[in-house]
Amino acid sequence: MGISLSSRLLLVSIDIRRDKKHYIVEDITSGEFYEMPEVCIEAIKLIEKGEKLGEIEEALKFNFPDEEVDLLDFSQQLLEMDLIEEIDGVKVEKMVKEKENLGFQWISPKIGKFFFNKISLLVYVSLFLVSLVLLISKPSLIPSYEDVFISDVMIVNMIAYLGVTFSLVLVHEFGHILAMRAYDLPTKLGIGHRLLLVVLETDMASVWRLPGKNRNVLYLAGLCFDTVILFGTLMSKLIFPNASGIFLSLMSLAVYDVFIRVIYQCCVYMKTDFYYVIENVTGYYNLMENAQQKIRNRIPFLKSASRKNEVFVGEKYVVYGYSIFYALGVSVTLLLISIYYIPVLLYALELALPNLIEPATSFVFWDAVLFLSQFLVICILLLNSWRKKYLENNM
């Protein structure tokens, strides 16, 4: 089905909201969001009035002399985004995309507002500052990779680490969920990854329904709950220095987990919570994708002539600055992995692998088998997350 300058289009039901620099267009049926500049919005308004594409193009060229106006190219983009319902009265055949059935709507917005309001945000900031002062003033509280090993039995270490990590990640994600519900927005939990780490992810797509000034709270909600955990565990170690060994070990393990997660939030070359805050504050989105392309263009064997940079006017300077942090962030992350994760892995394997040659009737043999089995499960989850991500990107 061809589109010409004499064509008239009928669009699907959409909702348009003004954002900081451009506009956010929501497909009401699918719940997907798109960022567009003003010239595109004016084109959509004229399309909705039933005018021909050629007439719209002439009007836009007159009203936006500094913009490159090509209605046929724009119409093709709308078609690819499934935003066109009919072309010249002929219905467009497309896959029906409906909104995902998001959950957690059983949580009342009042509960969310209890945890996220002006007073609670001041409390979170205060707890973060106190925790930072404690770590700086008492270096002994800074976690070490040895904090992961709370027992001589590897399976106990693995269960404790997985249990503590999973519990605290749930707390982090529940912060996002409660913040979403505070604004009566639906959400869901899924499994993803950050480099080598398997993570839970809260679906925050509907955050685009909010004004930009309200989004940062939702992006930082998980960190707010992390701050409460970090403050509580640090104070527990200080207040109860003579408590049982297992209690102090679990507190140290919790500090280790939260400490690492907070540092990773600062690695904005990944799509962490802080990354979305930067996007929201600057008003420039897709910073990661544009920065990746800029870095590829600097490396001859990674250049891609087929990909067109879709950067709005004025955005290139922000992208350039972000690309510097992107490159530096990779180095910082590798350093972090070398200080914390690689030592943990090597030490664990050093303890477990020799036990595989022990008799199959011995406890240490099965301890090693169970530990390595759990390690294998984590690797499978990570590989599956990579597979889903890159398969979806290539479809």
Protein backbone atom coordinates (compact mmCIF):
# COMPACT_ATOMS: atom_id res chain seq x y z
CA MET A 1 0.00 0.00 0.00
CA GLY A 2 1.70 3.18 -1.23
CA ILE A 3 1.67 6.61 0.33
CA SER A 4 1.89 9.65 -1.95
CA LEU A 5 1.68 13.40 -1.41
CA SER A 6 -1.97 13.23 -2.44
CA SER A 7 -2.75 10.68 0.29
CA ARG A 8 -4.87 11.32 3.35
CA LEU A 9 -4.12 9.40 6.56
CA LEU A 10 -6.22 8.35 9.51
CA LEU A 11 -4.19 7.88 12.69
CA VAL A 12 -4.87 5.58 15.62
CA SER A 13 -6.01 7.06 18.92
CA ILE A 14 -3.13 9.03 20.37
CA ASP A 15 -2.53 11.42 23.24
CA ILE A 16 -0.03 14.28 22.94
CA ARG A 17 1.69 15.88 25.94
CA ARG A 18 4.12 18.79 26.00
CA ASP A 19 7.49 17.84 27.46
CA LYS A 20 10.50 19.98 28.37
CA LYS A 21 11.90 20.37 24.88
CA HIS A 22 9.62 18.35 22.61
CA TYR A 23 6.39 16.36 22.83
CA ILE A 24 5.48 12.89 24.04
CA VAL A 25 3.02 10.97 21.86
CA GLU A 26 1.23 8.00 23.44
CA ASP A 27 -0.41 5.25 21.42
CA ILE A 28 -3.57 4.77 23.50
CA THR A 29 -4.08 1.20 22.27
CA SER A 30 -0.59 -0.19 22.80
CA GLY A 31 0.55 2.16 25.58
CA GLU A 32 3.81 2.92 23.74
CA PHE A 33 5.39 6.37 23.85
CA TYR A 34 7.32 8.38 21.24
CA GLU A 35 9.20 11.66 21.46
CA MET A 36 8.61 14.14 18.61
CA PRO A 37 9.57 17.77 17.91
CA GLU A 38 7.02 20.51 17.34
CA VAL A 39 7.08 20.24 13.54
CA CYS A 40 5.99 16.60 13.77
CA ILE A 41 3.16 17.49 16.14
CA GLU A 42 1.92 20.17 13.77
CA ALA A 43 2.04 17.61 10.97
CA ILE A 44 -0.02 15.19 13.06
CA LYS A 45 -2.62 17.88 13.79
CA LEU A 46 -3.00 18.65 10.10
CA ILE A 47 -3.18 14.94 9.27
CA GLU A 48 -5.99 14.57 11.81
CA LYS A 49 -7.85 17.40 10.04
CA GLY A 50 -7.86 15.25 6.90
CA GLU A 51 -5.55 17.35 4.75
CA LYS A 52 -3.43 15.85 1.97
CA LEU A 53 0.22 15.16 2.73
CA GLY A 54 1.39 17.50 -0.06
CA GLU A 55 -0.65 20.37 1.33
CA ILE A 56 0.67 19.66 4.83
CA GLU A 57 4.25 19.62 3.55
CA GLU A 58 3.87 23.02 1.87
CA ALA A 59 2.32 24.54 5.01
CA LEU A 60 5.06 23.18 7.27
CA LYS A 61 7.85 24.35 4.97
CA PHE A 62 6.37 27.84 5.17
CA ASN A 63 5.85 27.77 8.97
CA PHE A 64 9.13 25.96 9.78
CA PRO A 65 11.66 27.28 7.24
CA ASP A 66 14.64 26.01 9.28
CA GLU A 67 13.33 22.43 9.48
CA GLU A 68 13.83 19.68 6.94
CA VAL A 69 10.26 18.71 6.06
CA ASP A 70 9.56 15.44 4.23
CA LEU A 71 6.00 14.20 4.77
CA LEU A 72 6.53 10.96 2.86
CA ASP A 73 9.45 10.02 5.12
CA PHE A 74 7.50 11.07 8.22
CA SER A 75 4.46 9.06 7.10
CA GLN A 76 6.66 6.00 6.65
CA GLN A 77 7.93 6.45 10.21
CA LEU A 78 4.35 6.69 11.48
CA LEU A 79 3.57 3.51 9.55
CA GLU A 80 6.52 1.69 11.11
CA MET A 81 5.35 2.81 14.56
CA ASP A 82 1.87 1.42 13.80
CA LEU A 83 0.31 4.85 14.29
CA ILE A 84 -1.59 4.85 10.99
CA GLU A 85 -5.07 3.31 10.95
CA GLU A 86 -6.05 4.00 7.32
CA ILE A 87 -4.43 5.25 4.10
CA ASP A 88 -6.86 6.88 1.69
CA GLY A 89 -9.74 5.08 3.37
CA VAL A 90 -8.06 1.65 3.18
CA LYS A 91 -7.41 0.02 6.53
CA VAL A 92 -3.77 -0.76 7.26
CA GLU A 93 -3.09 -4.39 8.10
CA LYS A 94 -0.88 -4.68 11.16
CA MET A 95 -0.29 -6.79 14.18
CA VAL A 96 -2.65 -5.86 16.97
CA LYS A 97 -0.65 -4.50 19.88
CA GLU A 98 -2.59 -4.14 23.07
CA LYS A 99 -1.52 -2.71 26.36
CA GLU A 100 0.24 -5.15 28.61
CA ASN A 101 -1.74 -6.29 31.59
CA LEU A 102 0.26 -4.53 34.28
CA GLY A 103 -0.27 -5.36 37.91
CA PHE A 104 0.04 -3.97 41.44
CA GLN A 105 -3.10 -1.89 40.98
CA TRP A 106 -4.37 -3.50 44.15
CA ILE A 107 -1.95 -1.22 46.03
CA SER A 108 -3.80 1.96 46.94
CA PRO A 109 -2.21 5.26 45.82
CA LYS A 110 -2.60 6.38 49.45
CA ILE A 111 -0.07 3.74 50.51
CA GLY A 112 2.34 4.95 47.85
CA LYS A 113 1.93 8.56 48.96
CA PHE A 114 2.70 7.56 52.56
CA PHE A 115 6.19 6.51 51.45
CA PHE A 116 6.70 9.25 48.87
CA ASN A 117 5.80 12.77 49.91
CA LYS A 118 7.73 15.95 50.73
CA ILE A 119 8.49 14.89 54.31
CA SER A 120 9.54 11.34 53.46
CA LEU A 121 11.87 12.59 50.73
CA LEU A 122 13.64 14.81 53.27
CA VAL A 123 14.02 11.77 55.53
CA TYR A 124 15.58 9.72 52.70
CA VAL A 125 18.04 12.51 51.88
CA SER A 126 18.99 12.85 55.56
CA LEU A 127 19.57 9.11 55.95
CA PHE A 128 21.74 9.07 52.84
CA LEU A 129 23.92 11.92 54.10
CA VAL A 130 24.30 10.31 57.54
CA SER A 131 25.26 6.98 55.93
CA LEU A 132 27.84 8.74 53.75
CA VAL A 133 29.36 10.45 56.79
CA LEU A 134 29.54 7.11 58.63
CA LEU A 135 31.35 5.41 55.75
CA ILE A 136 33.82 8.28 55.40
CA SER A 137 34.48 8.70 59.13
CA LYS A 138 34.69 4.95 59.85
CA PRO A 139 36.50 3.23 56.94
CA SER A 140 36.09 -0.11 58.72
CA LEU A 141 32.41 0.03 57.73
CA ILE A 142 33.29 0.07 54.01
CA PRO A 143 32.45 -3.43 52.71
CA SER A 144 34.99 -5.95 51.46
CA TYR A 145 34.55 -8.98 49.17
CA GLU A 146 35.24 -11.12 52.26
CA ASP A 147 31.86 -10.03 53.66
CA VAL A 148 30.22 -12.42 51.19
CA PHE A 149 31.68 -15.43 53.01
CA ILE A 150 29.82 -15.73 56.30
CA SER A 151 30.58 -19.45 56.73
CA ASP A 152 33.15 -22.10 55.85
CA VAL A 153 30.37 -24.00 54.04
CA MET A 154 30.00 -22.72 50.46
CA ILE A 155 26.35 -23.64 50.10
CA VAL A 156 25.56 -21.60 53.21
CA ASN A 157 27.44 -18.63 51.73
CA MET A 158 25.59 -19.00 48.45
CA ILE A 159 22.17 -19.31 50.05
CA ALA A 160 22.86 -16.37 52.34
CA TYR A 161 24.15 -14.20 49.50
CA LEU A 162 21.28 -15.06 47.17
CA GLY A 163 18.72 -14.68 49.94
CA VAL A 164 20.02 -11.31 51.13
CA THR A 165 20.53 -10.00 47.60
CA PHE A 166 17.14 -11.12 46.35
CA SER A 167 15.38 -9.71 49.42
CA LEU A 168 17.10 -6.34 49.14
CA VAL A 169 16.54 -6.13 45.39
CA LEU A 170 12.85 -6.72 46.06
CA VAL A 171 12.94 -3.87 48.58
CA HIS A 172 14.61 -1.65 45.96
CA GLU A 173 12.08 -2.53 43.27
CA PHE A 174 9.18 -2.22 45.68
CA GLY A 175 10.31 1.36 46.20
CA HIS A 176 9.72 1.97 42.49
CA ILE A 177 6.39 0.14 42.64
CA LEU A 178 5.12 2.20 45.57
CA ALA A 179 6.26 5.42 43.89
CA MET A 180 4.38 4.42 40.73
CA ARG A 181 1.28 3.64 42.74
CA ALA A 182 1.58 7.01 44.53
CA TYR A 183 0.68 8.51 41.13
CA ASP A 184 -1.88 5.77 40.43
CA LEU A 185 0.23 4.30 37.62
CA PRO A 186 0.29 0.55 36.83
CA THR A 187 3.53 -1.42 36.67
CA LYS A 188 5.02 -4.91 36.74
CA LEU A 189 8.24 -6.74 37.63
CA GLY A 190 10.50 -8.49 35.12
CA ILE A 191 14.00 -9.97 34.89
CA GLY A 192 16.81 -8.14 33.09
CA HIS A 193 20.53 -7.57 33.39
CA ARG A 194 23.17 -4.90 33.92
CA LEU A 195 26.30 -6.19 32.21
CA LEU A 196 27.11 -9.37 34.19
CA LEU A 197 24.42 -8.90 36.83
CA VAL A 198 20.97 -10.47 36.73
CA VAL A 199 18.48 -7.91 38.05
CA LEU A 200 14.79 -7.39 38.64
CA GLU A 201 13.28 -4.50 36.70
CA THR A 202 10.14 -2.49 37.36
CA ASP A 203 8.20 -1.52 34.25
CA MET A 204 8.08 2.28 34.35
CA ALA A 205 6.86 2.99 30.82
CA SER A 206 3.73 4.75 32.06
CA VAL A 207 5.91 7.34 33.84
CA TRP A 208 5.69 9.35 30.60
CA ARG A 209 2.13 10.24 31.53
CA LEU A 210 3.53 12.48 34.27
CA PRO A 211 5.08 15.94 33.95
CA GLY A 212 8.88 15.88 33.89
CA LYS A 213 9.15 17.42 37.37
CA ASN A 214 7.41 14.39 38.92
CA ARG A 215 9.40 11.65 37.19
CA ASN A 216 12.65 11.93 39.17
CA VAL A 217 10.96 10.76 42.37
CA LEU A 218 9.90 7.56 40.62
CA TYR A 219 13.36 6.99 39.16
CA LEU A 220 15.06 7.49 42.57
CA ALA A 221 12.46 5.62 44.62
CA GLY A 222 14.51 2.40 44.70
CA LEU A 223 17.55 4.31 45.91
CA CYS A 224 15.43 5.86 48.67
CA PHE A 225 14.62 2.41 50.02
CA ASP A 226 18.28 1.35 49.58
CA THR A 227 19.24 4.31 51.75
CA VAL A 228 16.98 3.13 54.55
CA ILE A 229 18.53 -0.35 54.41
CA LEU A 230 22.08 1.02 54.31
CA PHE A 231 21.49 3.34 57.27
CA GLY A 232 19.81 0.58 59.28
CA THR A 233 22.56 -1.98 58.70
CA LEU A 234 25.38 0.48 59.41
CA MET A 235 23.73 1.60 62.65
CA SER A 236 23.14 -2.02 63.66
CA LYS A 237 26.86 -2.74 63.34
CA LEU A 238 27.69 0.32 65.44
CA ILE A 239 25.02 -0.13 68.13
CA PHE A 240 25.48 -3.91 68.54
CA PRO A 241 29.23 -4.51 68.09
CA ASN A 242 29.08 -7.51 70.44
CA ALA A 243 26.10 -9.19 68.80
CA SER A 244 26.30 -12.75 67.51
CA GLY A 245 28.69 -13.46 64.67
CA ILE A 246 25.96 -14.50 62.28
CA PHE A 247 24.00 -11.29 62.91
CA LEU A 248 27.01 -9.06 62.24
CA SER A 249 27.94 -11.15 59.20
CA LEU A 250 24.47 -10.73 57.71
CA MET A 251 24.58 -6.99 58.40
CA SER A 252 27.97 -6.78 56.65
CA LEU A 253 26.60 -8.77 53.72
CA ALA A 254 23.63 -6.39 53.47
CA VAL A 255 25.95 -3.37 53.53
CA TYR A 256 28.05 -4.99 50.78
CA ASP A 257 25.00 -5.60 48.60
CA VAL A 258 23.49 -2.12 48.96
CA PHE A 259 26.89 -0.40 48.66
CA ILE A 260 27.59 -2.14 45.33
CA ARG A 261 24.10 -1.43 44.03
CA VAL A 262 24.36 2.29 44.84
CA ILE A 263 27.71 2.50 43.04
CA TYR A 264 26.22 0.78 40.00
CA GLN A 265 23.43 3.36 39.95
CA CYS A 266 26.16 5.95 39.38
CA CYS A 267 27.38 4.09 36.27
CA VAL A 268 25.16 6.11 33.98
CA TYR A 269 26.56 4.52 30.81
CA MET A 270 24.06 1.77 31.64
CA LYS A 271 20.35 2.49 31.88
CA THR A 272 20.41 2.80 35.64
CA ASP A 273 18.06 4.91 37.72
CA PHE A 274 20.50 7.82 37.62
CA TYR A 275 20.67 7.54 33.83
CA TYR A 276 16.93 8.18 33.57
CA VAL A 277 17.28 11.12 35.97
CA ILE A 278 19.90 12.67 33.67
CA GLU A 279 17.65 12.16 30.66
CA ASN A 280 14.73 13.70 32.50
CA VAL A 281 16.68 16.70 33.80
CA THR A 282 18.27 17.51 30.44
CA GLY A 283 15.11 16.79 28.49
CA TYR A 284 17.14 14.76 25.96
CA TYR A 285 16.19 11.11 25.60
CA ASN A 286 17.97 8.15 23.99
CA LEU A 287 21.26 9.53 25.30
CA MET A 288 22.75 6.04 25.58
CA GLU A 289 21.94 5.04 22.00
CA ASN A 290 23.22 8.34 20.59
CA ALA A 291 26.37 8.21 22.73
CA GLN A 292 27.06 4.63 21.62
CA GLN A 293 26.79 5.75 18.00
CA LYS A 294 29.12 8.70 18.63
CA ILE A 295 31.68 6.35 20.20
CA ARG A 296 31.34 3.92 17.27
CA ASN A 297 31.92 6.76 14.84
CA ARG A 298 35.19 7.51 16.63
CA ILE A 299 36.36 3.91 16.17
CA PRO A 300 36.93 3.07 12.47
CA PHE A 301 36.09 -0.64 12.60
CA LEU A 302 32.84 0.03 14.50
CA LYS A 303 31.45 2.69 12.18
CA SER A 304 28.05 1.98 10.71
CA ALA A 305 27.13 3.83 7.54
CA SER A 306 23.62 2.44 7.53
CA ARG A 307 22.48 3.90 10.80
CA LYS A 308 21.28 7.48 10.85
CA ASN A 309 21.85 9.54 13.98
CA GLU A 310 18.50 10.78 15.16
CA VAL A 311 19.62 13.74 17.27
CA PHE A 312 17.47 16.81 17.82
CA VAL A 313 18.87 20.29 17.33
CA GLY A 314 21.04 21.27 20.32
CA GLU A 315 21.20 17.70 21.61
CA LYS A 316 24.61 16.87 20.14
CA TYR A 317 26.46 18.79 22.86
CA VAL A 318 24.63 16.93 25.63
CA VAL A 319 25.26 13.62 23.85
CA TYR A 320 28.94 14.48 23.48
CA GLY A 321 29.24 15.19 27.21
CA TYR A 322 27.35 12.05 28.09
CA SER A 323 29.52 9.94 25.76
CA ILE A 324 32.58 10.96 27.79
CA PHE A 325 30.93 9.70 30.99
CA TYR A 326 29.85 6.63 29.06
CA ALA A 327 33.44 5.73 28.19
CA LEU A 328 34.74 6.56 31.67
CA GLY A 329 31.93 4.61 33.28
CA VAL A 330 32.94 1.41 31.53
CA SER A 331 36.44 1.70 33.01
CA VAL A 332 35.07 2.43 36.49
CA THR A 333 32.77 -0.57 36.30
CA LEU A 334 35.58 -2.89 35.23
CA LEU A 335 37.61 -1.60 38.16
CA LEU A 336 34.69 -2.21 40.50
CA ILE A 337 34.27 -5.73 39.19
CA SER A 338 37.97 -6.40 39.65
CA ILE A 339 37.86 -5.21 43.28
CA TYR A 340 34.66 -6.92 44.38
CA TYR A 341 33.21 -9.50 42.02
CA ILE A 342 36.24 -11.23 40.55
CA PRO A 343 37.86 -11.78 43.99
CA VAL A 344 34.58 -13.23 45.27
CA LEU A 345 34.28 -15.58 42.29
CA LEU A 346 37.91 -16.70 42.35
CA TYR A 347 37.92 -17.29 46.09
CA ALA A 348 34.65 -19.22 45.90
CA LEU A 349 35.92 -21.42 43.06
CA GLU A 350 39.20 -21.92 44.90
CA LEU A 351 37.27 -23.30 47.86
CA ALA A 352 34.72 -25.32 45.88
CA LEU A 353 36.54 -26.93 42.95
CA PRO A 354 39.04 -29.02 44.98
CA ASN A 355 36.11 -30.59 46.84
CA LEU A 356 34.83 -32.15 43.61
CA ILE A 357 37.57 -34.79 43.81
CA GLU A 358 36.45 -35.80 47.29
CA PRO A 359 34.34 -38.98 47.72
CA ALA A 360 30.75 -38.65 46.56
CA THR A 361 29.62 -39.68 50.02
CA SER A 362 31.33 -36.72 51.67
CA PHE A 363 29.57 -33.51 52.70
CA VAL A 364 32.17 -31.24 51.07
CA PHE A 365 31.64 -32.92 47.68
CA TRP A 366 27.90 -32.19 47.66
CA ASP A 367 28.57 -28.74 49.10
CA ALA A 368 30.69 -28.00 46.02
CA VAL A 369 28.14 -29.55 43.63
CA LEU A 370 25.26 -27.51 45.03
CA PHE A 371 27.29 -24.31 44.98
CA LEU A 372 28.37 -24.79 41.36
CA SER A 373 24.79 -25.72 40.39
CA GLN A 374 23.46 -22.45 41.80
CA PHE A 375 26.25 -20.58 40.05
CA LEU A 376 25.20 -22.28 36.79
CA VAL A 377 21.56 -21.21 37.31
CA ILE A 378 22.67 -17.57 37.65
CA CYS A 379 24.68 -17.85 34.42
CA ILE A 380 21.67 -19.33 32.60
CA LEU A 381 19.43 -16.47 33.79
CA LEU A 382 22.01 -13.95 32.61
CA LEU A 383 22.38 -15.59 29.20
CA ASN A 384 18.60 -15.78 28.82
CA SER A 385 18.31 -12.06 29.64
CA TRP A 386 20.95 -11.26 27.00
CA ARG A 387 19.20 -13.50 24.48
CA LYS A 388 15.82 -11.81 24.98
CA LYS A 389 17.32 -8.33 24.79
CA TYR A 390 19.33 -8.81 21.61
CA LEU A 391 16.75 -10.96 19.85
CA GLU A 392 14.10 -8.28 20.47
CA ASN A 393 16.46 -5.59 19.21
CA ASN A 394 17.14 -7.52 16.00
CA MET A 395 13.52 -8.45 15.26
